[in-house]
Amino acid sequence: MLDTNARRESLLKVMSKRRHDRVSNLAFEFNVNERTIRRDIQKLSEIYPIYAERGRYGGGVFIENGACLGKKNLSNKQVDFLKRQLQQNLSEFDKEIALSIIKDFTKSK
């Protein structure tokens, strides 16, 4: 059985190929219970554009449309920190460029 970090890394690789799967399938594949997969997805969603939805027919684990799992996203705390720093140190032109970079690396929902 994989340790938590190895399982989550493997889960990301699997999902980057499949883009969608059921929690029950992933739990079976990784030999863990469904609750463990949901916790993994919850933790991974803090950094990656991956999420789980409940639903009788449409539920499962998804990768956001157009998202690339190799791209990490800034957390809310990181975004807040960077925006505070921008207010103090950059010209308006540089601030606009920096904000566009933040937008590119911020998870959108």
C-alpha atoms as a PDB file:
ATOM      1  CA  MET A   1       0.000   0.000   0.000  1.00  0.00           C
ATOM      2  CA  LEU A   2       1.239   3.495  -0.845  1.00  0.00           C
ATOM      3  CA  ASP A   3       1.859   6.133   1.799  1.00  0.00           C
ATOM      4  CA  THR A   4      -0.380   9.204   1.715  1.00  0.00           C
ATOM      5  CA  ASN A   5       1.890  11.429  -0.382  1.00  0.00           C
ATOM      6  CA  ALA A   6       2.687   8.700  -2.899  1.00  0.00           C
ATOM      7  CA  ARG A   7      -1.009   7.831  -3.217  1.00  0.00           C
ATOM      8  CA  ARG A   8      -1.928  11.462  -3.822  1.00  0.00           C
ATOM      9  CA  GLU A   9       0.795  11.837  -6.433  1.00  0.00           C
ATOM     10  CA  SER A  10      -0.419   8.679  -8.170  1.00  0.00           C
ATOM     11  CA  LEU A  11      -3.993   9.908  -7.945  1.00  0.00           C
ATOM     12  CA  LEU A  12      -2.990  13.130  -9.717  1.00  0.00           C
ATOM     13  CA  LYS A  13      -1.275  11.168 -12.494  1.00  0.00           C
ATOM     14  CA  VAL A  14      -4.301   8.927 -12.971  1.00  0.00           C
ATOM     15  CA  MET A  15      -6.700  11.855 -13.006  1.00  0.00           C
ATOM     16  CA  SER A  16      -4.574  13.880 -15.414  1.00  0.00           C
ATOM     17  CA  LYS A  17      -5.119  11.089 -17.946  1.00  0.00           C
ATOM     18  CA  ARG A  18      -8.761  10.274 -17.186  1.00  0.00           C
ATOM     19  CA  ARG A  19     -10.080  13.773 -16.357  1.00  0.00           C
ATOM     20  CA  HIS A  20     -13.085  12.158 -14.597  1.00  0.00           C
ATOM     21  CA  ASP A  21     -13.660   9.030 -12.538  1.00  0.00           C
ATOM     22  CA  ARG A  22     -15.883   7.763  -9.784  1.00  0.00           C
ATOM     23  CA  VAL A  23     -14.738   7.869  -6.174  1.00  0.00           C
ATOM     24  CA  SER A  24     -15.616   4.195  -5.786  1.00  0.00           C
ATOM     25  CA  ASN A  25     -13.399   3.228  -8.754  1.00  0.00           C
ATOM     26  CA  LEU A  26     -10.467   5.212  -7.388  1.00  0.00           C
ATOM     27  CA  ALA A  27     -10.930   3.762  -3.902  1.00  0.00           C
ATOM     28  CA  PHE A  28     -10.862   0.245  -5.350  1.00  0.00           C
ATOM     29  CA  GLU A  29      -7.854   0.996  -7.540  1.00  0.00           C
ATOM     30  CA  PHE A  30      -5.831   2.484  -4.659  1.00  0.00           C
ATOM     31  CA  ASN A  31      -7.059  -0.082  -2.134  1.00  0.00           C
ATOM     32  CA  VAL A  32      -8.470   2.524   0.270  1.00  0.00           C
ATOM     33  CA  ASN A  33     -11.982   3.487   1.294  1.00  0.00           C
ATOM     34  CA  GLU A  34     -14.014   6.192  -0.430  1.00  0.00           C
ATOM     35  CA  ARG A  35     -13.614   8.555   2.504  1.00  0.00           C
ATOM     36  CA  THR A  36      -9.824   8.438   2.054  1.00  0.00           C
ATOM     37  CA  ILE A  37     -10.167   9.356  -1.638  1.00  0.00           C
ATOM     38  CA  ARG A  38     -12.470  12.257  -0.741  1.00  0.00           C
ATOM     39  CA  ARG A  39      -9.940  13.526   1.831  1.00  0.00           C
ATOM     40  CA  ASP A  40      -7.162  13.199  -0.736  1.00  0.00           C
ATOM     41  CA  ILE A  41      -9.177  15.171  -3.287  1.00  0.00           C
ATOM     42  CA  GLN A  42     -10.030  17.823  -0.712  1.00  0.00           C
ATOM     43  CA  LYS A  43      -6.349  18.270   0.165  1.00  0.00           C
ATOM     44  CA  LEU A  44      -5.205  18.207  -3.466  1.00  0.00           C
ATOM     45  CA  SER A  45      -7.854  20.766  -4.446  1.00  0.00           C
ATOM     46  CA  GLU A  46      -6.035  23.350  -2.326  1.00  0.00           C
ATOM     47  CA  ILE A  47      -3.246  23.327  -4.896  1.00  0.00           C
ATOM     48  CA  TYR A  48      -4.531  21.634  -8.046  1.00  0.00           C
ATOM     49  CA  PRO A  49      -7.668  22.181 -10.156  1.00  0.00           C
ATOM     50  CA  ILE A  50      -9.250  18.909  -9.030  1.00  0.00           C
ATOM     51  CA  TYR A  51     -12.562  18.499  -7.219  1.00  0.00           C
ATOM     52  CA  ALA A  52     -15.177  15.953  -6.198  1.00  0.00           C
ATOM     53  CA  GLU A  53     -18.906  16.257  -6.660  1.00  0.00           C
ATOM     54  CA  ARG A  54     -21.600  14.112  -5.169  1.00  0.00           C
ATOM     55  CA  GLY A  55     -24.347  12.940  -7.414  1.00  0.00           C
ATOM     56  CA  ARG A  56     -26.336   9.879  -8.222  1.00  0.00           C
ATOM     57  CA  TYR A  57     -25.305   9.822 -11.871  1.00  0.00           C
ATOM     58  CA  GLY A  58     -23.009  12.792 -12.434  1.00  0.00           C
ATOM     59  CA  GLY A  59     -20.852  12.608  -9.326  1.00  0.00           C
ATOM     60  CA  GLY A  60     -17.216  11.733  -9.110  1.00  0.00           C
ATOM     61  CA  VAL A  61     -13.787  13.278  -9.247  1.00  0.00           C
ATOM     62  CA  PHE A  62     -13.060  15.834 -11.940  1.00  0.00           C
ATOM     63  CA  ILE A  63     -10.248  17.948 -13.339  1.00  0.00           C
ATOM     64  CA  GLU A  64     -11.403  21.464 -14.227  1.00  0.00           C
ATOM     65  CA  ASN A  65     -11.908  22.000 -17.961  1.00  0.00           C
ATOM     66  CA  GLY A  66      -8.726  23.137 -19.641  1.00  0.00           C
ATOM     67  CA  ALA A  67      -6.664  22.614 -16.496  1.00  0.00           C
ATOM     68  CA  CYS A  68      -3.213  21.123 -16.475  1.00  0.00           C
ATOM     69  CA  LEU A  69      -2.320  19.238 -13.321  1.00  0.00           C
ATOM     70  CA  GLY A  70       1.344  20.032 -13.744  1.00  0.00           C
ATOM     71  CA  LYS A  71       0.473  23.628 -12.927  1.00  0.00           C
ATOM     72  CA  LYS A  72       0.255  24.460  -9.255  1.00  0.00           C
ATOM     73  CA  ASN A  73      -2.115  27.150  -8.100  1.00  0.00           C
ATOM     74  CA  LEU A  74      -1.562  29.805  -5.473  1.00  0.00           C
ATOM     75  CA  SER A  75      -3.461  29.348  -2.240  1.00  0.00           C
ATOM     76  CA  ASN A  76      -5.725  32.120  -0.952  1.00  0.00           C
ATOM     77  CA  LYS A  77      -3.128  32.974   1.713  1.00  0.00           C
ATOM     78  CA  GLN A  78      -0.410  33.265  -0.933  1.00  0.00           C
ATOM     79  CA  VAL A  79      -2.584  35.509  -3.111  1.00  0.00           C
ATOM     80  CA  ASP A  80      -3.447  37.756  -0.159  1.00  0.00           C
ATOM     81  CA  PHE A  81       0.223  38.031   0.791  1.00  0.00           C
ATOM     82  CA  LEU A  82       1.308  38.915  -2.743  1.00  0.00           C
ATOM     83  CA  LYS A  83      -1.429  41.509  -3.138  1.00  0.00           C
ATOM     84  CA  ARG A  84      -0.415  43.163   0.153  1.00  0.00           C
ATOM     85  CA  GLN A  85       3.180  43.317  -1.047  1.00  0.00           C
ATOM     86  CA  LEU A  86       2.127  44.779  -4.387  1.00  0.00           C
ATOM     87  CA  GLN A  87       0.417  47.682  -2.666  1.00  0.00           C
ATOM     88  CA  GLN A  88       3.703  48.709  -1.082  1.00  0.00           C
ATOM     89  CA  ASN A  89       6.433  48.112  -3.604  1.00  0.00           C
ATOM     90  CA  LEU A  90       5.440  48.428  -7.264  1.00  0.00           C
ATOM     91  CA  SER A  91       4.504  51.112  -9.757  1.00  0.00           C
ATOM     92  CA  GLU A  92       0.997  50.930 -11.244  1.00  0.00           C
ATOM     93  CA  PHE A  93       2.350  49.427 -14.472  1.00  0.00           C
ATOM     94  CA  ASP A  94       4.334  46.740 -12.637  1.00  0.00           C
ATOM     95  CA  LYS A  95       1.393  46.113 -10.303  1.00  0.00           C
ATOM     96  CA  GLU A  96      -0.865  45.400 -13.300  1.00  0.00           C
ATOM     97  CA  ILE A  97       1.621  42.850 -14.663  1.00  0.00           C
ATOM     98  CA  ALA A  98       2.023  41.189 -11.258  1.00  0.00           C
ATOM     99  CA  LEU A  99      -1.760  40.968 -10.815  1.00  0.00           C
ATOM    100  CA  SER A 100      -2.070  39.274 -14.194  1.00  0.00           C
ATOM    101  CA  ILE A 101       0.514  36.701 -13.079  1.00  0.00           C
ATOM    102  CA  ILE A 102      -1.418  36.109  -9.859  1.00  0.00           C
ATOM    103  CA  LYS A 103      -4.581  35.625 -11.901  1.00  0.00           C
ATOM    104  CA  ASP A 104      -2.850  33.070 -14.155  1.00  0.00           C
ATOM    105  CA  PHE A 105      -1.798  30.999 -11.134  1.00  0.00           C
ATOM    106  CA  THR A 106      -4.968  31.305  -9.077  1.00  0.00           C
ATOM    107  CA  LYS A 107      -7.535  28.534  -9.078  1.00  0.00           C
ATOM    108  CA  SER A 108     -10.786  29.688 -10.637  1.00  0.00           C
ATOM    109  CA  LYS A 109     -14.148  28.220  -9.666  1.00  0.00           C
END
